[in-house]
Amino acid sequence: MFPPHLPPPFSNIRNHQQFERLKIILVATFFGLLAGLSGASMLLGWIWPLTGGGDNFFLSRSSSGVPREQLQARAQAKIADEIFTIYQKATVLGAARYFSELDKVADAVMGVTSGWVVAYAPNFVGLNKEWVAVAENGSLYNVSRPLFDRRTGLLYLKLSRAGVSDQQFRVVNFNSGLKQYDEVFVFQDGQWHSTMVTGQSRDVAASHLDSVLTPAYSLNDKFRTGSVVIDVGGNLIGFVNDHSVLTTLTVEDYFLNGIENKKVLTYRSFGVEGWYTDEKLLVMNDEKLTGFIVNRVLANKQFFQKGDIILKVDGRPADRTNVWNSLLNSSVRVSIWRNGKVIESSVSVVEL
């Protein structure tokens, strides 16, 4: 027997301490490997669906583990009653009529329950006398009252069906936000195609009115101009405007509300065209500027000049949101940068 206050002679304190350290190391290693495997599985969930196919590949960003085919089917079903194809005319063959791809104008989506659709048709010249809209279920509709927004290339059309009055249509839901690497579906040639948003595009080909908000995003694949783009929830994002560039719809509520009473489409504006500095990055003194660069002056020519940079509106930075809200007023206090100086003045808000 050994005294109770002493360890047995074969006990080794150093070995006991090393054994305790070893247990801690083994536990830490186990959890480290577990975390590493979880991270690797998440990474595969991001990357694998973009290159694979079949029922066993999953989306981790937008679908929370729903198979791609099932996700696409859900999105397609949600928007099926809200998408239409516009043709210039129907070709008569004997007692039947058919629609040729050569006569296709654009794909459109329903925006107003009274029958107004919106499409991307930048080459519209005002002729729509024989146009016909075909729904996904094959129903035919007459096309009338075109309203063309030459600043965005969006075309608004009223659909109606012979013998049917006061028909109520189901309208599309609009996407509330778009992020890099989001999965999207593109409608082309009557089929839905899966692709990915690779990021916001800075390739702004032409200057635009200060109040025309046109954020664009690059897509991972190339598609035909005018193709409809939806998110994984079946909500409308916008249209392909240049093969691989997606223009989101940010002005839909601006025109769709009260469109029945509109004869022309105009924007409230300072009267200038150009770019926001996040569209064409502008740096001065090694710092990024927030503002709007004037490329063309349409109104308020007594104040604005080409090359001006609008820095502030009513004391707030001249970004999209602040400019849009300021244009609700009849006049606005504007600060511009010109030839190394800041100039301030009140300018009138005009309709263009």
Protein backbone atom coordinates (compact mmCIF):
# COMPACT_ATOMS: atom_id res chain seq x y z
CA MET A 1 0.00 0.00 0.00
CA PHE A 2 1.08 3.55 -0.71
CA PRO A 3 0.29 6.63 1.33
CA PRO A 4 -2.85 8.25 -0.13
CA HIS A 5 -1.21 11.64 -0.49
CA LEU A 6 1.54 10.27 -2.76
CA PRO A 7 1.30 8.97 -6.35
CA PRO A 8 2.26 5.36 -6.96
CA PRO A 9 5.95 4.87 -7.85
CA PHE A 10 5.11 3.93 -11.46
CA SER A 11 3.28 7.27 -12.04
CA ASN A 12 5.12 9.75 -14.29
CA ILE A 13 3.93 13.36 -14.24
CA ARG A 14 5.75 14.26 -17.47
CA ASN A 15 4.12 11.35 -19.34
CA HIS A 16 0.73 12.33 -17.93
CA GLN A 17 1.13 15.93 -19.15
CA GLN A 18 2.23 14.78 -22.60
CA PHE A 19 -0.75 12.44 -22.80
CA GLU A 20 -3.13 15.31 -21.95
CA ARG A 21 -1.50 17.49 -24.64
CA LEU A 22 -1.87 14.64 -27.15
CA LYS A 23 -5.61 14.38 -26.45
CA ILE A 24 -6.03 18.13 -27.03
CA ILE A 25 -4.07 17.90 -30.30
CA LEU A 26 -6.15 14.94 -31.51
CA VAL A 27 -9.44 16.69 -30.71
CA ALA A 28 -8.27 19.91 -32.43
CA THR A 29 -7.12 17.92 -35.47
CA PHE A 30 -10.46 16.12 -35.72
CA PHE A 31 -12.47 19.33 -35.66
CA GLY A 32 -10.02 20.99 -38.06
CA LEU A 33 -10.49 18.16 -40.57
CA LEU A 34 -14.24 18.38 -40.12
CA ALA A 35 -14.23 22.13 -40.80
CA GLY A 36 -12.00 21.61 -43.82
CA LEU A 37 -14.34 19.02 -45.32
CA SER A 38 -17.32 21.32 -44.76
CA GLY A 39 -15.53 24.18 -46.47
CA ALA A 40 -14.54 21.94 -49.37
CA SER A 41 -18.12 20.74 -49.82
CA MET A 42 -19.37 24.33 -49.87
CA LEU A 43 -16.74 25.23 -52.47
CA LEU A 44 -17.80 22.30 -54.65
CA GLY A 45 -21.40 23.45 -54.29
CA TRP A 46 -20.38 26.79 -55.83
CA ILE A 47 -18.16 25.48 -58.59
CA TRP A 48 -19.43 22.05 -59.62
CA PRO A 49 -22.90 23.04 -60.88
CA LEU A 50 -21.33 25.41 -63.41
CA THR A 51 -19.46 22.64 -65.17
CA GLY A 52 -21.47 19.51 -64.49
CA GLY A 53 -24.87 18.18 -65.41
CA GLY A 54 -27.43 15.69 -64.22
CA ASP A 55 -29.60 15.30 -61.17
CA ASN A 56 -26.80 14.96 -58.63
CA PHE A 57 -25.40 18.49 -58.81
CA PHE A 58 -26.66 21.09 -56.42
CA LEU A 59 -26.62 24.86 -56.10
CA SER A 60 -25.47 26.22 -52.77
CA ARG A 61 -25.83 29.96 -53.37
CA SER A 62 -29.42 30.34 -54.42
CA SER A 63 -31.21 27.04 -54.00
CA SER A 64 -30.10 25.63 -50.64
CA GLY A 65 -29.54 22.15 -52.03
CA VAL A 66 -32.37 21.95 -54.57
CA PRO A 67 -31.33 20.08 -57.75
CA ARG A 68 -30.80 22.42 -60.68
CA GLU A 69 -33.36 20.71 -62.91
CA GLN A 70 -36.02 20.99 -60.21
CA LEU A 71 -35.10 24.60 -59.53
CA GLN A 72 -35.29 25.50 -63.21
CA ALA A 73 -38.63 23.73 -63.59
CA ARG A 74 -40.07 25.72 -60.68
CA ALA A 75 -38.84 29.05 -62.04
CA GLN A 76 -40.10 28.22 -65.53
CA ALA A 77 -43.53 27.19 -64.23
CA LYS A 78 -43.88 30.39 -62.21
CA ILE A 79 -43.35 32.69 -65.20
CA ALA A 80 -45.00 30.46 -67.84
CA ASP A 81 -48.26 32.44 -67.92
CA GLU A 82 -46.43 35.78 -67.95
CA ILE A 83 -44.16 35.42 -70.98
CA PHE A 84 -45.16 36.11 -74.60
CA THR A 85 -43.46 36.06 -78.00
CA ILE A 86 -44.15 38.98 -80.34
CA TYR A 87 -44.22 38.37 -84.11
CA GLN A 88 -44.47 40.89 -86.94
CA LYS A 89 -47.08 38.75 -88.67
CA ALA A 90 -48.41 35.26 -89.16
CA THR A 91 -47.74 33.44 -92.42
CA VAL A 92 -50.76 31.87 -94.11
CA LEU A 93 -50.34 28.39 -95.54
CA GLY A 94 -53.57 27.00 -96.93
CA ALA A 95 -56.18 27.08 -94.17
CA ALA A 96 -53.57 27.39 -91.42
CA ARG A 97 -51.24 30.06 -90.11
CA TYR A 98 -47.79 29.66 -88.66
CA PHE A 99 -45.16 31.91 -87.10
CA SER A 100 -41.61 32.01 -88.39
CA GLU A 101 -38.52 32.86 -86.35
CA LEU A 102 -37.66 35.28 -89.13
CA ASP A 103 -40.74 37.32 -88.16
CA LYS A 104 -40.04 37.29 -84.45
CA VAL A 105 -39.76 40.75 -82.86
CA ALA A 106 -38.97 39.94 -79.23
CA ASP A 107 -39.94 38.00 -76.15
CA ALA A 108 -42.02 40.03 -73.70
CA VAL A 109 -43.29 39.74 -70.13
CA MET A 110 -46.59 40.88 -68.66
CA GLY A 111 -46.19 43.95 -66.45
CA VAL A 112 -49.75 45.22 -65.90
CA THR A 113 -52.89 43.19 -65.19
CA SER A 114 -54.77 45.12 -67.87
CA GLY A 115 -52.49 43.60 -70.53
CA TRP A 116 -49.34 45.70 -70.92
CA VAL A 117 -46.18 43.75 -71.73
CA VAL A 118 -42.61 45.00 -71.82
CA ALA A 119 -39.89 43.80 -74.20
CA TYR A 120 -36.38 44.86 -75.17
CA ALA A 121 -36.59 46.00 -78.82
CA PRO A 122 -34.02 48.77 -79.38
CA ASN A 123 -34.58 48.76 -83.16
CA PHE A 124 -38.31 49.51 -83.02
CA VAL A 125 -39.31 51.97 -85.78
CA GLY A 126 -42.99 52.44 -84.97
CA LEU A 127 -44.59 49.84 -87.23
CA ASN A 128 -46.76 47.24 -85.49
CA LYS A 129 -49.94 47.00 -87.59
CA GLU A 130 -49.89 43.20 -88.06
CA TRP A 131 -48.07 42.23 -84.88
CA VAL A 132 -49.33 39.23 -82.93
CA ALA A 133 -48.44 38.06 -79.43
CA VAL A 134 -48.30 34.34 -78.70
CA ALA A 135 -48.55 33.10 -75.12
CA GLU A 136 -46.68 30.05 -73.86
CA ASN A 137 -49.93 28.06 -73.99
CA GLY A 138 -50.43 28.99 -77.66
CA SER A 139 -53.12 31.66 -77.18
CA LEU A 140 -52.97 34.55 -79.67
CA TYR A 141 -53.37 38.24 -78.78
CA ASN A 142 -53.67 41.45 -80.75
CA VAL A 143 -50.93 44.05 -80.22
CA SER A 144 -51.69 47.77 -80.04
CA ARG A 145 -50.70 51.12 -78.50
CA PRO A 146 -46.89 50.77 -78.62
CA LEU A 147 -44.94 53.03 -76.28
CA PHE A 148 -41.22 53.01 -77.03
CA ASP A 149 -38.59 54.18 -74.57
CA ARG A 150 -35.74 55.17 -76.87
CA ARG A 151 -33.45 55.79 -73.91
CA THR A 152 -33.50 52.22 -72.65
CA GLY A 153 -34.70 50.31 -75.72
CA LEU A 154 -37.70 48.98 -73.80
CA LEU A 155 -40.97 48.64 -75.71
CA TYR A 156 -44.36 48.62 -73.96
CA LEU A 157 -47.31 47.03 -75.80
CA LYS A 158 -51.00 46.55 -75.00
CA LEU A 159 -52.35 43.04 -75.61
CA SER A 160 -55.99 42.17 -76.16
CA ARG A 161 -57.99 39.21 -77.38
CA ALA A 162 -60.84 39.36 -79.83
CA GLY A 163 -64.21 38.99 -78.14
CA VAL A 164 -62.76 39.31 -74.63
CA SER A 165 -63.19 42.57 -72.72
CA ASP A 166 -61.59 43.58 -69.42
CA GLN A 167 -59.38 40.50 -69.33
CA GLN A 168 -57.09 40.37 -66.30
CA PHE A 169 -53.57 39.02 -66.82
CA ARG A 170 -51.17 37.59 -64.29
CA VAL A 171 -48.14 39.87 -63.99
CA VAL A 172 -44.50 39.02 -63.48
CA ASN A 173 -42.70 39.69 -60.19
CA PHE A 174 -39.54 41.75 -60.42
CA ASN A 175 -36.23 40.69 -58.92
CA SER A 176 -35.32 42.83 -55.90
CA GLY A 177 -31.54 42.43 -56.11
CA LEU A 178 -28.78 40.77 -58.09
CA LYS A 179 -25.38 39.60 -56.85
CA GLN A 180 -22.24 38.22 -58.42
CA TYR A 181 -22.33 34.46 -58.99
CA ASP A 182 -26.14 34.29 -58.79
CA GLU A 183 -27.68 31.52 -60.88
CA VAL A 184 -30.10 32.84 -63.54
CA PHE A 185 -32.16 31.38 -66.37
CA VAL A 186 -32.31 32.84 -69.89
CA PHE A 187 -35.22 32.30 -72.31
CA GLN A 188 -33.97 31.83 -75.86
CA ASP A 189 -35.44 29.99 -78.85
CA GLY A 190 -38.33 28.77 -76.70
CA GLN A 191 -35.99 27.10 -74.21
CA TRP A 192 -34.63 28.01 -70.79
CA HIS A 193 -30.87 28.01 -70.32
CA SER A 194 -28.96 28.13 -67.06
CA THR A 195 -26.04 30.53 -66.59
CA MET A 196 -24.40 32.70 -63.96
CA VAL A 197 -23.93 36.41 -63.27
CA THR A 198 -20.19 37.06 -63.28
CA GLY A 199 -20.34 40.63 -61.99
CA GLN A 200 -21.45 44.17 -62.70
CA SER A 201 -20.41 45.42 -66.12
CA ARG A 202 -18.63 48.74 -66.55
CA ASP A 203 -18.86 48.54 -70.32
CA VAL A 204 -21.37 51.35 -70.88
CA ALA A 205 -21.46 51.84 -74.62
CA ALA A 206 -23.41 55.10 -74.74
CA SER A 207 -24.09 57.93 -72.35
CA HIS A 208 -27.54 58.01 -70.79
CA LEU A 209 -29.88 60.50 -69.20
CA ASP A 210 -29.07 61.23 -65.56
CA SER A 211 -32.37 59.72 -64.41
CA VAL A 212 -32.26 56.59 -66.58
CA LEU A 213 -30.90 53.94 -64.27
CA THR A 214 -29.32 51.17 -66.31
CA PRO A 215 -27.12 48.89 -64.19
CA ALA A 216 -25.69 46.11 -66.35
CA TYR A 217 -24.23 42.72 -65.44
CA SER A 218 -22.09 40.30 -67.40
CA LEU A 219 -23.29 36.75 -67.93
CA ASN A 220 -21.14 33.64 -68.04
CA ASP A 221 -22.49 32.66 -71.49
CA LYS A 222 -23.57 34.47 -74.64
CA PHE A 223 -27.23 34.91 -75.53
CA ARG A 224 -29.25 36.69 -78.16
CA THR A 225 -30.18 40.33 -77.64
CA GLY A 226 -33.66 40.66 -76.14
CA SER A 227 -33.64 37.33 -74.29
CA VAL A 228 -35.61 37.36 -71.04
CA VAL A 229 -33.64 36.67 -67.84
CA ILE A 230 -35.19 35.45 -64.57
CA ASP A 231 -33.82 34.46 -61.19
CA VAL A 232 -34.13 31.06 -59.50
CA GLY A 233 -37.43 32.15 -57.97
CA GLY A 234 -39.02 32.87 -61.35
CA ASN A 235 -38.81 36.64 -60.89
CA LEU A 236 -37.93 38.88 -63.82
CA ILE A 237 -34.44 40.42 -63.74
CA GLY A 238 -34.26 42.02 -67.18
CA PHE A 239 -33.12 41.45 -70.76
CA VAL A 240 -29.90 40.57 -72.52
CA ASN A 241 -28.88 43.73 -74.37
CA ASP A 242 -25.54 42.83 -75.95
CA HIS A 243 -25.01 39.07 -76.15
CA SER A 244 -23.48 38.65 -72.69
CA VAL A 245 -24.61 41.81 -70.91
CA LEU A 246 -27.79 41.88 -68.85
CA THR A 247 -29.64 45.14 -68.28
CA THR A 248 -31.80 44.99 -65.18
CA LEU A 249 -35.20 46.63 -65.05
CA THR A 250 -35.00 49.57 -62.68
CA VAL A 251 -37.61 51.82 -64.27
CA GLU A 252 -40.50 49.37 -64.58
CA ASP A 253 -42.60 51.02 -61.88
CA TYR A 254 -41.84 54.45 -63.32
CA PHE A 255 -43.80 53.71 -66.49
CA LEU A 256 -46.03 50.78 -65.60
CA ASN A 257 -47.91 52.78 -62.99
CA GLY A 258 -50.58 54.70 -64.88
CA ILE A 259 -49.36 53.56 -68.29
CA GLU A 260 -52.94 53.40 -69.62
CA ASN A 261 -53.02 57.20 -69.69
CA LYS A 262 -49.57 57.74 -71.23
CA LYS A 263 -49.08 58.75 -74.85
CA VAL A 264 -45.34 59.40 -74.66
CA LEU A 265 -42.64 58.32 -72.24
CA THR A 266 -40.56 61.06 -70.62
CA TYR A 267 -38.14 61.30 -67.71
CA ARG A 268 -37.62 64.05 -65.18
CA SER A 269 -34.01 65.19 -65.55
CA PHE A 270 -31.38 67.88 -64.97
CA GLY A 271 -31.13 67.90 -68.77
CA VAL A 272 -27.78 66.11 -69.10
CA GLU A 273 -26.50 62.78 -70.36
CA GLY A 274 -23.40 60.97 -69.21
CA TRP A 275 -22.26 58.27 -66.76
CA TYR A 276 -22.17 57.71 -63.06
CA THR A 277 -18.65 57.26 -61.80
CA ASP A 278 -19.29 53.66 -60.80
CA GLU A 279 -20.18 52.93 -64.44
CA LYS A 280 -16.98 54.47 -65.77
CA LEU A 281 -14.59 54.65 -62.88
CA LEU A 282 -13.23 58.15 -62.29
CA VAL A 283 -10.30 58.79 -59.96
CA MET A 284 -8.93 62.21 -58.97
CA ASN A 285 -6.03 62.71 -56.57
CA ASP A 286 -5.84 58.94 -56.09
CA GLU A 287 -9.42 58.84 -54.81
CA LYS A 288 -12.58 57.56 -56.46
CA LEU A 289 -15.15 60.26 -57.14
CA THR A 290 -18.87 59.82 -56.58
CA GLY A 291 -20.87 61.77 -59.11
CA PHE A 292 -22.19 62.05 -62.65
CA ILE A 293 -19.94 62.96 -65.59
CA VAL A 294 -21.68 65.16 -68.18
CA ASN A 295 -21.14 64.00 -71.75
CA ARG A 296 -24.00 65.90 -73.41
CA VAL A 297 -26.12 68.88 -72.39
CA LEU A 298 -29.78 68.84 -73.45
CA ALA A 299 -31.24 71.51 -71.14
CA ASN A 300 -30.05 74.04 -68.54
CA LYS A 301 -27.32 74.97 -71.03
CA GLN A 302 -26.72 78.24 -69.22
CA PHE A 303 -25.22 76.23 -66.35
CA PHE A 304 -23.98 72.83 -67.53
CA GLN A 305 -21.07 72.15 -69.89
CA LYS A 306 -19.68 68.99 -71.37
CA GLY A 307 -17.04 67.61 -69.01
CA ASP A 308 -18.70 68.86 -65.82
CA ILE A 309 -18.85 66.45 -62.92
CA ILE A 310 -21.99 66.71 -60.81
CA LEU A 311 -20.74 66.14 -57.27
CA LYS A 312 -23.75 66.92 -55.10
CA VAL A 313 -27.51 67.44 -55.38
CA ASP A 314 -29.16 69.36 -52.54
CA GLY A 315 -26.04 68.75 -50.46
CA ARG A 316 -26.00 64.96 -50.97
CA PRO A 317 -23.54 62.93 -53.08
CA ALA A 318 -24.72 62.63 -56.68
CA ASP A 319 -25.32 58.89 -56.82
CA ARG A 320 -28.26 57.19 -58.52
CA THR A 321 -30.54 57.16 -55.51
CA ASN A 322 -29.98 60.77 -54.49
CA VAL A 323 -30.32 62.07 -58.05
CA TRP A 324 -33.55 60.11 -58.58
CA ASN A 325 -35.09 61.43 -55.35
CA SER A 326 -33.96 65.01 -56.04
CA LEU A 327 -35.71 65.01 -59.40
CA LEU A 328 -39.07 64.86 -57.64
CA ASN A 329 -38.61 68.57 -56.91
CA SER A 330 -39.11 71.41 -59.41
CA SER A 331 -35.59 72.78 -58.86
CA VAL A 332 -32.43 71.41 -57.25
CA ARG A 333 -29.23 72.89 -55.82
CA VAL A 334 -26.37 71.33 -57.77
CA SER A 335 -22.61 71.38 -57.12
CA ILE A 336 -20.31 70.65 -60.06
CA TRP A 337 -16.55 70.32 -60.57
CA ARG A 338 -15.20 72.30 -63.51
CA ASN A 339 -11.59 73.23 -64.30
CA GLY A 340 -10.44 72.60 -60.75
CA LYS A 341 -13.23 74.58 -59.11
CA VAL A 342 -16.54 73.75 -57.44
CA ILE A 343 -19.50 75.73 -58.82
CA GLU A 344 -22.96 75.74 -57.27
CA SER A 345 -26.31 76.82 -58.68
CA SER A 346 -30.02 76.03 -58.60
CA VAL A 347 -31.19 74.30 -61.77
CA SER A 348 -34.68 73.51 -63.00
CA VAL A 349 -35.91 69.94 -63.37
CA VAL A 350 -37.19 69.32 -66.90
CA GLU A 351 -39.11 66.57 -68.75
CA LEU A 352 -37.21 64.82 -71.54
